[in-house]
Amino acid sequence: GTELLMELVTLADGSGAPRLAQTRPAGDLLERYWSQLTDAMRGMAALGLAHGDLSPFNLLATEDRLVLIDLPQAVDVVANPQGMDHLARDCRNVTAWFRARGLDVDADALLADLLAYAF
């Protein structure tokens, strides 16, 4: 009960994967990253959880895969009085980054989608 398993997320050359904030994906890769991110957020919402501090700084980007990191602060969307606020903030943070890179995404639409999974 005291063990912690960690994974080193690397690029093909063995170097550490950068944070999404340090990358400039375009076109198809940007869309694939968005799809992976929203799938992960839906999975967490279905468990009643929000990351709580989701941003491009808490996502690692490999050549074709996103990895969510820094999950210990995940919050219960229903039981935590600020749970909905955390989920909404997560949505705003990630959509702002993807919108700034040209992807037409909406924080309110994402939040509505996630709430359907959470309840």
Protein backbone atom coordinates (compact mmCIF):
# COMPACT_ATOMS: atom_id res chain seq x y z
CA GLY A 1 0.00 0.00 0.00
CA THR A 2 2.97 2.39 -0.04
CA GLU A 3 4.25 1.78 -3.55
CA LEU A 4 3.97 4.24 -6.41
CA LEU A 5 4.38 3.18 -10.02
CA MET A 6 5.66 5.82 -12.39
CA GLU A 7 6.32 5.72 -16.11
CA LEU A 8 8.97 7.66 -17.98
CA VAL A 9 7.22 9.05 -21.03
CA THR A 10 9.71 9.41 -23.86
CA LEU A 11 9.97 10.27 -27.52
CA ALA A 12 11.20 7.74 -30.06
CA ASP A 13 14.80 8.89 -29.55
CA GLY A 14 14.57 8.17 -25.81
CA SER A 15 14.45 11.78 -24.69
CA GLY A 16 11.75 12.90 -22.27
CA ALA A 17 8.43 13.88 -23.79
CA PRO A 18 7.82 17.64 -23.71
CA ARG A 19 4.85 19.30 -22.09
CA LEU A 20 2.14 20.10 -24.63
CA ALA A 21 2.72 23.80 -23.89
CA GLN A 22 6.23 23.45 -25.37
CA THR A 23 5.01 22.00 -28.68
CA ARG A 24 3.45 23.45 -31.81
CA PRO A 25 1.35 20.64 -33.31
CA ALA A 26 -0.64 21.57 -36.38
CA GLY A 27 -3.39 20.13 -38.53
CA ASP A 28 -4.04 16.43 -38.13
CA LEU A 29 -1.80 16.02 -35.08
CA LEU A 30 -3.56 18.87 -33.29
CA GLU A 31 -6.91 17.21 -33.97
CA ARG A 32 -5.63 13.82 -32.79
CA TYR A 33 -4.34 15.38 -29.58
CA TRP A 34 -7.73 17.04 -29.02
CA SER A 35 -9.54 13.75 -29.59
CA GLN A 36 -7.27 11.92 -27.14
CA LEU A 37 -7.64 14.65 -24.56
CA THR A 38 -11.42 14.76 -24.73
CA ASP A 39 -11.59 10.96 -24.57
CA ALA A 40 -9.46 11.04 -21.40
CA MET A 41 -11.57 13.82 -19.90
CA ARG A 42 -14.76 11.85 -20.68
CA GLY A 43 -13.28 8.79 -18.99
CA MET A 44 -12.48 10.79 -15.87
CA ALA A 45 -15.91 12.45 -15.91
CA ALA A 46 -17.56 9.03 -16.16
CA LEU A 47 -15.76 8.18 -12.91
CA GLY A 48 -17.02 11.44 -11.41
CA LEU A 49 -13.60 13.08 -11.53
CA ALA A 50 -12.06 16.26 -12.86
CA HIS A 51 -8.30 16.68 -13.19
CA GLY A 52 -8.51 19.87 -11.18
CA ASP A 53 -5.46 21.55 -12.72
CA LEU A 54 -5.59 20.53 -16.36
CA SER A 55 -3.62 22.70 -18.73
CA PRO A 56 -1.04 22.29 -21.50
CA PHE A 57 1.55 22.14 -18.71
CA ASN A 58 0.02 18.94 -17.28
CA LEU A 59 -0.05 17.12 -20.60
CA LEU A 60 2.97 15.39 -22.13
CA ALA A 61 3.16 15.10 -25.91
CA THR A 62 4.89 12.24 -27.63
CA GLU A 63 4.98 12.00 -31.40
CA ASP A 64 1.35 10.85 -31.55
CA ARG A 65 0.07 10.50 -27.98
CA LEU A 66 -0.92 12.75 -25.11
CA VAL A 67 -0.36 11.69 -21.51
CA LEU A 68 -2.13 13.39 -18.60
CA ILE A 69 0.16 13.99 -15.65
CA ASP A 70 -0.14 15.48 -12.18
CA LEU A 71 -3.30 13.61 -11.24
CA PRO A 72 -3.05 13.58 -7.43
CA GLN A 73 -5.17 16.72 -7.19
CA ALA A 74 -8.09 15.14 -9.10
CA VAL A 75 -11.38 16.12 -7.50
CA ASP A 76 -14.78 14.52 -7.19
CA VAL A 77 -17.08 16.57 -9.43
CA VAL A 78 -20.16 15.87 -7.33
CA ALA A 79 -18.95 15.52 -3.73
CA ASN A 80 -16.44 18.38 -3.78
CA PRO A 81 -18.20 21.76 -3.45
CA GLN A 82 -15.76 23.21 -6.00
CA GLY A 83 -15.80 20.15 -8.25
CA MET A 84 -17.87 21.75 -11.00
CA ASP A 85 -15.68 24.87 -10.90
CA HIS A 86 -12.56 22.73 -11.33
CA LEU A 87 -14.09 20.89 -14.28
CA ALA A 88 -15.16 24.15 -15.92
CA ARG A 89 -11.67 25.62 -15.41
CA ASP A 90 -10.07 22.51 -16.92
CA CYS A 91 -12.33 22.95 -19.97
CA ARG A 92 -11.46 26.64 -20.34
CA ASN A 93 -7.72 26.02 -19.96
CA VAL A 94 -7.43 23.34 -22.60
CA THR A 95 -9.85 24.83 -25.12
CA ALA A 96 -8.05 28.19 -24.95
CA TRP A 97 -4.76 26.53 -25.86
CA PHE A 98 -6.23 24.52 -28.74
CA ARG A 99 -8.21 27.52 -30.04
CA ALA A 100 -5.03 29.62 -30.06
CA ARG A 101 -3.54 27.05 -32.42
CA GLY A 102 -6.46 27.16 -34.83
CA LEU A 103 -8.77 24.37 -33.66
CA ASP A 104 -12.42 25.38 -33.42
CA VAL A 105 -13.33 24.11 -29.94
CA ASP A 106 -15.63 25.54 -27.29
CA ALA A 107 -15.22 25.34 -23.51
CA ASP A 108 -18.95 25.43 -22.80
CA ALA A 109 -19.67 22.66 -25.30
CA LEU A 110 -16.90 20.53 -23.79
CA LEU A 111 -18.22 21.12 -20.28
CA ALA A 112 -21.74 20.15 -21.32
CA ASP A 113 -20.40 16.98 -22.95
CA LEU A 114 -18.42 16.04 -19.84
CA LEU A 115 -21.35 16.67 -17.53
CA ALA A 116 -23.38 14.14 -19.53
CA TYR A 117 -20.73 11.57 -18.61
CA ALA A 118 -20.48 12.66 -14.98
CA PHE A 119 -24.18 12.36 -14.19
